[in-house]
Amino acid sequence: MIVAADWLSIVYYNPTHRRFYAVLFGLGGGLVGDEVGLLLTFGNYDSDLTFFFFVTVVSVGSLGLLLSWHRERLKDDVLSLGNGERLVYTGVVIAGLSSLGFAQDYIAFGVVTSGAGLLMVAAGLWLHRRGAASTSSLYPEPLSSLSR
């Protein structure tokens, strides 16, 4: 996913798809981090090292650096999203949280969380298609390729 996101962002440079490429890159980076954690603990997912190092140190440190270096840019990016876009991105995050339920064998939690996230994505695309999303976005119609 990391290579695909990099390749797409170079070959098909389209400013309206930058957020999609960023999400794809982030998902790939998460998978790489997961595999490194598995390698460090010799296959023991219940190890305290995996939880402490990757969840606490890397996540908090990365977010702290991001907020300290790019505070104004992040503020502009988040506030410029339309309502439909916010709903789509929130739905993607919630659907991603369903992996926690599936990983711990809580299938019902995973299915419900995944369903809620997918419903939010569908509602966001519907709002965007209906024109109810805000038009004050920095990038005009960023979800147009997804809603066709």
N, C-alpha and C. Protein backbone atom coordinates (compact mmCIF):
# COMPACT_ATOMS: atom_id res chain seq x y z
N MET A 1 0.82 -1.18 0.00
CA MET A 1 0.00 0.00 0.00
C MET A 1 0.87 1.26 0.00
N ILE A 2 1.98 1.19 0.70
CA ILE A 2 2.86 2.35 0.73
C ILE A 2 3.41 2.63 -0.66
N VAL A 3 3.87 1.59 -1.32
CA VAL A 3 4.43 1.75 -2.66
C VAL A 3 3.34 2.20 -3.64
N ALA A 4 2.14 1.63 -3.52
CA ALA A 4 1.05 2.01 -4.42
C ALA A 4 0.66 3.47 -4.22
N ALA A 5 0.59 3.92 -2.98
CA ALA A 5 0.23 5.31 -2.72
C ALA A 5 1.30 6.26 -3.26
N ASP A 6 2.57 5.91 -3.06
CA ASP A 6 3.64 6.75 -3.59
C ASP A 6 3.61 6.79 -5.10
N TRP A 7 3.45 5.63 -5.73
CA TRP A 7 3.42 5.56 -7.18
C TRP A 7 2.24 6.34 -7.76
N LEU A 8 1.07 6.17 -7.16
CA LEU A 8 -0.10 6.90 -7.66
C LEU A 8 0.06 8.40 -7.50
N SER A 9 0.64 8.83 -6.39
CA SER A 9 0.79 10.27 -6.18
C SER A 9 1.81 10.89 -7.13
N ILE A 10 2.76 10.10 -7.62
CA ILE A 10 3.75 10.61 -8.57
C ILE A 10 3.22 10.54 -10.00
N VAL A 11 2.70 9.39 -10.38
CA VAL A 11 2.27 9.19 -11.76
C VAL A 11 0.98 9.92 -12.08
N TYR A 12 0.00 9.81 -11.23
CA TYR A 12 -1.29 10.44 -11.45
C TYR A 12 -1.45 11.62 -10.50
N TYR A 13 -0.66 12.65 -10.68
CA TYR A 13 -0.73 13.78 -9.77
C TYR A 13 -2.05 14.51 -9.98
N ASN A 14 -2.87 14.42 -8.98
CA ASN A 14 -4.17 15.09 -9.01
C ASN A 14 -4.40 15.63 -7.61
N PRO A 15 -4.42 16.95 -7.44
CA PRO A 15 -4.56 17.52 -6.09
C PRO A 15 -5.83 17.08 -5.37
N THR A 16 -6.86 16.70 -6.11
CA THR A 16 -8.09 16.29 -5.44
C THR A 16 -7.98 14.90 -4.82
N HIS A 17 -6.95 14.14 -5.18
CA HIS A 17 -6.80 12.79 -4.63
C HIS A 17 -5.70 12.70 -3.58
N ARG A 18 -5.14 13.83 -3.17
CA ARG A 18 -4.04 13.79 -2.20
C ARG A 18 -4.45 13.17 -0.87
N ARG A 19 -5.64 13.44 -0.41
CA ARG A 19 -6.08 12.87 0.87
C ARG A 19 -6.24 11.35 0.76
N PHE A 20 -6.76 10.88 -0.37
CA PHE A 20 -6.89 9.44 -0.57
C PHE A 20 -5.51 8.78 -0.54
N TYR A 21 -4.54 9.38 -1.22
CA TYR A 21 -3.19 8.83 -1.22
C TYR A 21 -2.60 8.83 0.18
N ALA A 22 -2.89 9.86 0.96
CA ALA A 22 -2.38 9.94 2.34
C ALA A 22 -2.99 8.84 3.21
N VAL A 23 -4.30 8.57 3.04
CA VAL A 23 -4.95 7.51 3.81
C VAL A 23 -4.38 6.15 3.42
N LEU A 24 -4.19 5.93 2.12
CA LEU A 24 -3.62 4.67 1.64
C LEU A 24 -2.20 4.48 2.19
N PHE A 25 -1.41 5.54 2.18
CA PHE A 25 -0.05 5.47 2.72
C PHE A 25 -0.08 5.17 4.22
N GLY A 26 -1.01 5.79 4.95
CA GLY A 26 -1.12 5.55 6.39
C GLY A 26 -1.51 4.12 6.72
N LEU A 27 -2.44 3.57 5.93
CA LEU A 27 -2.83 2.17 6.15
C LEU A 27 -1.64 1.23 5.92
N GLY A 28 -0.89 1.49 4.87
CA GLY A 28 0.30 0.68 4.61
C GLY A 28 1.33 0.82 5.72
N GLY A 29 1.52 2.05 6.20
CA GLY A 29 2.45 2.26 7.31
C GLY A 29 2.01 1.55 8.58
N GLY A 30 0.70 1.50 8.81
CA GLY A 30 0.18 0.77 9.97
C GLY A 30 0.46 -0.72 9.87
N LEU A 31 0.30 -1.27 8.67
CA LEU A 31 0.60 -2.69 8.48
C LEU A 31 2.08 -2.98 8.68
N VAL A 32 2.94 -2.08 8.21
CA VAL A 32 4.38 -2.27 8.41
C VAL A 32 4.70 -2.21 9.90
N GLY A 33 4.12 -1.24 10.61
CA GLY A 33 4.35 -1.15 12.06
C GLY A 33 3.88 -2.38 12.79
N ASP A 34 2.76 -2.94 12.36
CA ASP A 34 2.24 -4.15 12.98
C ASP A 34 3.19 -5.32 12.78
N GLU A 35 3.72 -5.44 11.58
CA GLU A 35 4.65 -6.54 11.31
C GLU A 35 5.97 -6.38 12.05
N VAL A 36 6.44 -5.15 12.19
CA VAL A 36 7.66 -4.91 12.97
C VAL A 36 7.43 -5.28 14.43
N GLY A 37 6.25 -4.93 14.95
CA GLY A 37 5.92 -5.31 16.32
C GLY A 37 5.87 -6.81 16.51
N LEU A 38 5.34 -7.49 15.52
CA LEU A 38 5.31 -8.95 15.57
C LEU A 38 6.72 -9.52 15.52
N LEU A 39 7.58 -8.92 14.72
CA LEU A 39 8.96 -9.38 14.63
C LEU A 39 9.71 -9.16 15.95
N LEU A 40 9.50 -8.00 16.59
CA LEU A 40 10.21 -7.71 17.83
C LEU A 40 9.80 -8.61 18.98
N THR A 41 8.57 -9.09 18.96
CA THR A 41 8.09 -9.91 20.07
C THR A 41 8.06 -11.40 19.72
N PHE A 42 8.66 -11.77 18.61
CA PHE A 42 8.74 -13.17 18.19
C PHE A 42 7.37 -13.82 18.09
N GLY A 43 6.39 -13.10 17.56
CA GLY A 43 5.07 -13.66 17.32
C GLY A 43 4.11 -13.59 18.49
N ASN A 44 4.51 -13.00 19.60
CA ASN A 44 3.65 -12.92 20.77
C ASN A 44 2.92 -11.57 20.75
N TYR A 45 1.65 -11.57 20.26
CA TYR A 45 0.90 -10.32 20.19
C TYR A 45 0.51 -9.78 21.56
N ASP A 46 0.55 -10.61 22.59
CA ASP A 46 0.17 -10.18 23.94
C ASP A 46 1.34 -9.58 24.72
N SER A 47 2.45 -9.41 24.08
CA SER A 47 3.62 -8.88 24.76
C SER A 47 3.42 -7.42 25.15
N ASP A 48 3.94 -7.05 26.31
CA ASP A 48 3.87 -5.66 26.77
C ASP A 48 4.71 -4.74 25.90
N LEU A 49 5.77 -5.27 25.30
CA LEU A 49 6.62 -4.46 24.43
C LEU A 49 5.85 -3.95 23.23
N THR A 50 5.03 -4.79 22.62
CA THR A 50 4.24 -4.37 21.46
C THR A 50 3.29 -3.26 21.84
N PHE A 51 2.56 -3.44 22.92
CA PHE A 51 1.59 -2.43 23.34
C PHE A 51 2.27 -1.12 23.69
N PHE A 52 3.28 -1.19 24.53
CA PHE A 52 3.92 0.04 25.00
C PHE A 52 4.64 0.78 23.88
N PHE A 53 5.47 0.08 23.14
CA PHE A 53 6.30 0.75 22.15
C PHE A 53 5.51 1.30 20.98
N PHE A 54 4.71 0.47 20.34
CA PHE A 54 4.05 0.92 19.11
C PHE A 54 2.83 1.77 19.35
N VAL A 55 2.05 1.45 20.35
CA VAL A 55 0.85 2.24 20.57
C VAL A 55 1.15 3.54 21.29
N THR A 56 1.89 3.47 22.37
CA THR A 56 2.11 4.66 23.18
C THR A 56 3.20 5.57 22.62
N VAL A 57 4.39 5.08 22.49
CA VAL A 57 5.52 5.92 22.12
C VAL A 57 5.41 6.43 20.68
N VAL A 58 5.18 5.54 19.74
CA VAL A 58 5.16 5.95 18.34
C VAL A 58 3.94 6.82 18.03
N SER A 59 2.78 6.44 18.51
CA SER A 59 1.58 7.22 18.21
C SER A 59 1.62 8.61 18.83
N VAL A 60 1.91 8.68 20.10
CA VAL A 60 1.94 9.98 20.78
C VAL A 60 3.09 10.83 20.24
N GLY A 61 4.23 10.23 20.01
CA GLY A 61 5.35 10.98 19.47
C GLY A 61 5.09 11.51 18.07
N SER A 62 4.52 10.69 17.22
CA SER A 62 4.21 11.12 15.85
C SER A 62 3.17 12.23 15.83
N LEU A 63 2.13 12.07 16.61
CA LEU A 63 1.11 13.12 16.66
C LEU A 63 1.66 14.41 17.26
N GLY A 64 2.51 14.30 18.25
CA GLY A 64 3.12 15.49 18.83
C GLY A 64 3.99 16.24 17.83
N LEU A 65 4.79 15.50 17.07
CA LEU A 65 5.61 16.14 16.04
C LEU A 65 4.75 16.76 14.95
N LEU A 66 3.73 16.05 14.54
CA LEU A 66 2.84 16.57 13.51
C LEU A 66 2.16 17.85 13.95
N LEU A 67 1.66 17.85 15.17
CA LEU A 67 0.98 19.04 15.68
C LEU A 67 1.94 20.21 15.90
N SER A 68 3.14 19.92 16.32
CA SER A 68 4.07 21.03 16.57
C SER A 68 4.61 21.63 15.29
N TRP A 69 4.80 20.84 14.25
CA TRP A 69 5.38 21.35 13.01
C TRP A 69 4.34 21.91 12.05
N HIS A 70 3.16 21.33 12.02
CA HIS A 70 2.18 21.67 10.99
C HIS A 70 0.83 22.06 11.58
N ARG A 71 0.81 22.77 12.68
CA ARG A 71 -0.44 23.10 13.35
C ARG A 71 -1.38 23.89 12.45
N GLU A 72 -0.91 24.93 11.81
CA GLU A 72 -1.79 25.77 10.98
C GLU A 72 -2.29 25.02 9.75
N ARG A 73 -1.43 24.24 9.14
CA ARG A 73 -1.84 23.47 7.95
C ARG A 73 -2.92 22.45 8.32
N LEU A 74 -2.74 21.75 9.44
CA LEU A 74 -3.74 20.78 9.89
C LEU A 74 -5.07 21.47 10.22
N LYS A 75 -4.98 22.62 10.85
CA LYS A 75 -6.18 23.37 11.19
C LYS A 75 -6.93 23.78 9.92
N ASP A 76 -6.20 24.27 8.93
CA ASP A 76 -6.83 24.64 7.66
C ASP A 76 -7.43 23.43 6.95
N ASP A 77 -6.69 22.30 6.95
CA ASP A 77 -7.19 21.10 6.28
C ASP A 77 -8.46 20.56 6.92
N VAL A 78 -8.49 20.52 8.24
CA VAL A 78 -9.67 19.97 8.93
C VAL A 78 -10.87 20.90 8.82
N LEU A 79 -10.64 22.19 8.97
CA LEU A 79 -11.76 23.13 8.91
C LEU A 79 -12.27 23.33 7.49
N SER A 80 -11.48 23.00 6.48
CA SER A 80 -11.92 23.20 5.11
C SER A 80 -12.74 22.04 4.57
N LEU A 81 -12.83 20.96 5.31
CA LEU A 81 -13.60 19.80 4.83
C LEU A 81 -15.09 20.10 4.87
N GLY A 82 -15.80 19.60 3.87
CA GLY A 82 -17.24 19.71 3.87
C GLY A 82 -17.84 18.67 4.81
N ASN A 83 -19.13 18.80 5.10
CA ASN A 83 -19.78 17.86 6.01
C ASN A 83 -19.73 16.43 5.48
N GLY A 84 -19.95 16.26 4.19
CA GLY A 84 -19.90 14.92 3.60
C GLY A 84 -18.52 14.30 3.72
N GLU A 85 -17.48 15.12 3.49
CA GLU A 85 -16.11 14.61 3.61
C GLU A 85 -15.78 14.21 5.04
N ARG A 86 -16.18 15.04 5.99
CA ARG A 86 -15.94 14.69 7.40
C ARG A 86 -16.58 13.37 7.76
N LEU A 87 -17.79 13.18 7.27
CA LEU A 87 -18.51 11.94 7.57
C LEU A 87 -17.83 10.73 6.92
N VAL A 88 -17.32 10.90 5.71
CA VAL A 88 -16.62 9.80 5.04
C VAL A 88 -15.36 9.44 5.81
N TYR A 89 -14.54 10.43 6.16
CA TYR A 89 -13.30 10.13 6.86
C TYR A 89 -13.54 9.57 8.25
N THR A 90 -14.56 10.07 8.95
CA THR A 90 -14.90 9.51 10.26
C THR A 90 -15.37 8.07 10.11
N GLY A 91 -16.15 7.79 9.08
CA GLY A 91 -16.61 6.42 8.83
C GLY A 91 -15.46 5.47 8.53
N VAL A 92 -14.46 5.95 7.79
CA VAL A 92 -13.30 5.10 7.49
C VAL A 92 -12.54 4.77 8.78
N VAL A 93 -12.39 5.75 9.66
CA VAL A 93 -11.70 5.50 10.93
C VAL A 93 -12.49 4.51 11.79
N ILE A 94 -13.80 4.69 11.86
CA ILE A 94 -14.62 3.79 12.68
C ILE A 94 -14.62 2.38 12.09
N ALA A 95 -14.69 2.27 10.77
CA ALA A 95 -14.61 0.94 10.15
C ALA A 95 -13.25 0.31 10.42
N GLY A 96 -12.20 1.13 10.46
CA GLY A 96 -10.88 0.60 10.79
C GLY A 96 -10.78 0.09 12.21
N LEU A 97 -11.54 0.71 13.12
CA LEU A 97 -11.55 0.24 14.51
C LEU A 97 -12.16 -1.15 14.64
N SER A 98 -12.91 -1.58 13.64
CA SER A 98 -13.50 -2.92 13.71
C SER A 98 -12.43 -4.00 13.73
N SER A 99 -11.23 -3.68 13.25
CA SER A 99 -10.15 -4.67 13.27
C SER A 99 -9.78 -5.05 14.70
N LEU A 100 -9.99 -4.14 15.65
CA LEU A 100 -9.71 -4.48 17.05
C LEU A 100 -10.62 -5.60 17.53
N GLY A 101 -11.89 -5.52 17.17
CA GLY A 101 -12.82 -6.58 17.56
C GLY A 101 -12.49 -7.90 16.90
N PHE A 102 -12.18 -7.86 15.61
CA PHE A 102 -11.84 -9.10 14.91
C PHE A 102 -10.54 -9.69 15.43
N ALA A 103 -9.57 -8.86 15.79
CA ALA A 103 -8.29 -9.35 16.29
C ALA A 103 -8.42 -10.03 17.65
N GLN A 104 -9.39 -9.60 18.45
CA GLN A 104 -9.58 -10.18 19.78
C GLN A 104 -10.72 -11.19 19.82
N ASP A 105 -11.17 -11.64 18.66
CA ASP A 105 -12.24 -12.64 18.52
C ASP A 105 -13.57 -12.16 19.08
N TYR A 106 -13.81 -10.85 19.05
CA TYR A 106 -15.13 -10.28 19.36
C TYR A 106 -15.81 -9.96 18.04
N ILE A 107 -16.30 -11.01 17.40
CA ILE A 107 -16.83 -10.88 16.05
C ILE A 107 -18.03 -9.94 16.00
N ALA A 108 -18.91 -10.01 16.99
CA ALA A 108 -20.09 -9.15 17.00
C ALA A 108 -19.69 -7.68 17.07
N PHE A 109 -18.72 -7.34 17.92
CA PHE A 109 -18.23 -5.97 18.00
C PHE A 109 -17.62 -5.53 16.67
N GLY A 110 -16.86 -6.39 16.05
CA GLY A 110 -16.23 -6.07 14.77
C GLY A 110 -17.25 -5.83 13.68
N VAL A 111 -18.27 -6.68 13.63
CA VAL A 111 -19.30 -6.54 12.60
C VAL A 111 -20.10 -5.26 12.81
N VAL A 112 -20.49 -4.98 14.05
CA VAL A 112 -21.27 -3.78 14.33
C VAL A 112 -20.45 -2.52 14.05
N THR A 113 -19.19 -2.50 14.47
CA THR A 113 -18.33 -1.34 14.25
C THR A 113 -18.06 -1.15 12.76
N SER A 114 -17.79 -2.22 12.06
CA SER A 114 -17.56 -2.13 10.62
C SER A 114 -18.82 -1.65 9.90
N GLY A 115 -19.96 -2.17 10.29
CA GLY A 115 -21.22 -1.74 9.68
C GLY A 115 -21.51 -0.27 9.93
N ALA A 116 -21.26 0.19 11.16
CA ALA A 116 -21.48 1.61 11.48
C ALA A 116 -20.56 2.50 10.65
N GLY A 117 -19.31 2.08 10.51
CA GLY A 117 -18.37 2.86 9.71
C GLY A 117 -18.77 2.91 8.25
N LEU A 118 -19.18 1.77 7.71
CA LEU A 118 -19.60 1.74 6.30
C LEU A 118 -20.87 2.54 6.08
N LEU A 119 -21.78 2.53 7.04
CA LEU A 119 -22.98 3.37 6.92
C LEU A 119 -22.62 4.86 6.93
N MET A 120 -21.64 5.23 7.76
CA MET A 120 -21.21 6.63 7.79
C MET A 120 -20.55 7.02 6.47
N VAL A 121 -19.77 6.12 5.90
CA VAL A 121 -19.16 6.41 4.59
C VAL A 121 -20.23 6.59 3.54
N ALA A 122 -21.22 5.69 3.53
CA ALA A 122 -22.30 5.80 2.55
C ALA A 122 -23.10 7.09 2.74
N ALA A 123 -23.36 7.46 3.99
CA ALA A 123 -24.10 8.70 4.26
C ALA A 123 -23.28 9.92 3.82
N GLY A 124 -21.97 9.89 4.04
CA GLY A 124 -21.12 10.99 3.61
C GLY A 124 -21.09 11.13 2.10
N LEU A 125 -21.00 10.00 1.39
CA LEU A 125 -21.04 10.06 -0.07
C LEU A 125 -22.39 10.56 -0.56
N TRP A 126 -23.45 10.13 0.10
CA TRP A 126 -24.79 10.59 -0.29
C TRP A 126 -24.93 12.09 -0.07
N LEU A 127 -24.45 12.59 1.08
CA LEU A 127 -24.49 14.03 1.34
C LEU A 127 -23.68 14.80 0.30
N HIS A 128 -22.54 14.26 -0.04
CA HIS A 128 -21.70 14.93 -1.03
C HIS A 128 -22.40 14.96 -2.40
N ARG A 129 -23.01 13.86 -2.76
CA ARG A 129 -23.70 13.78 -4.05
C ARG A 129 -24.90 14.71 -4.08
N ARG A 130 -25.61 14.85 -2.99
CA ARG A 130 -26.79 15.70 -2.93
C ARG A 130 -26.43 17.19 -2.88
N GLY A 131 -25.17 17.50 -2.65
CA GLY A 131 -24.77 18.90 -2.61
C GLY A 131 -24.93 19.53 -1.24
N ALA A 132 -25.21 18.71 -0.21
CA ALA A 132 -25.37 19.25 1.14
C ALA A 132 -24.03 19.53 1.80
N ALA A 133 -22.94 19.01 1.22
CA ALA A 133 -21.63 19.26 1.79
C ALA A 133 -21.23 20.70 1.53
N SER A 134 -20.44 21.23 2.41
CA SER A 134 -19.99 22.61 2.28
C SER A 134 -19.13 22.77 1.04
N THR A 135 -19.27 23.89 0.35
CA THR A 135 -18.46 24.14 -0.85
C THR A 135 -17.24 24.99 -0.53
N SER A 136 -16.91 25.15 0.73
CA SER A 136 -15.76 25.98 1.09
C SER A 136 -14.48 25.16 1.17
N SER A 137 -14.42 24.04 0.47
CA SER A 137 -13.23 23.20 0.51
C SER A 137 -12.09 23.83 -0.27
N LEU A 138 -10.87 23.60 0.18
CA LEU A 138 -9.71 24.09 -0.54
C LEU A 138 -9.55 23.39 -1.88
N TYR A 139 -9.98 22.14 -1.95
CA TYR A 139 -9.86 21.35 -3.17
C TYR A 139 -11.27 21.07 -3.67
N PRO A 140 -11.66 21.61 -4.81
CA PRO A 140 -13.05 21.45 -5.27
C PRO A 140 -13.38 20.00 -5.60
N GLU A 141 -14.47 19.55 -5.05
CA GLU A 141 -15.04 18.23 -5.26
C GLU A 141 -14.03 17.10 -5.09
N PRO A 142 -13.43 16.93 -3.91
CA PRO A 142 -12.42 15.90 -3.73
C PRO A 142 -12.97 14.49 -3.74
N LEU A 143 -14.26 14.31 -3.54
CA LEU A 143 -14.82 12.96 -3.51
C LEU A 143 -15.56 12.63 -4.80
N SER A 144 -15.43 13.43 -5.83
CA SER A 144 -16.20 13.22 -7.04
C SER A 144 -15.86 11.89 -7.70
N SER A 145 -14.61 11.46 -7.64
CA SER A 145 -14.25 10.20 -8.27
C SER A 145 -14.78 9.00 -7.47
N LEU A 146 -14.99 9.16 -6.17
CA LEU A 146 -15.49 8.05 -5.35
C LEU A 146 -17.00 7.91 -5.44
N SER A 147 -17.71 8.98 -5.74
CA SER A 147 -19.16 8.92 -5.69
C SER A 147 -19.81 8.59 -7.02
N ARG A 148 -19.02 8.30 -8.04
CA ARG A 148 -19.59 7.95 -9.36
C ARG A 148 -19.69 6.49 -9.56
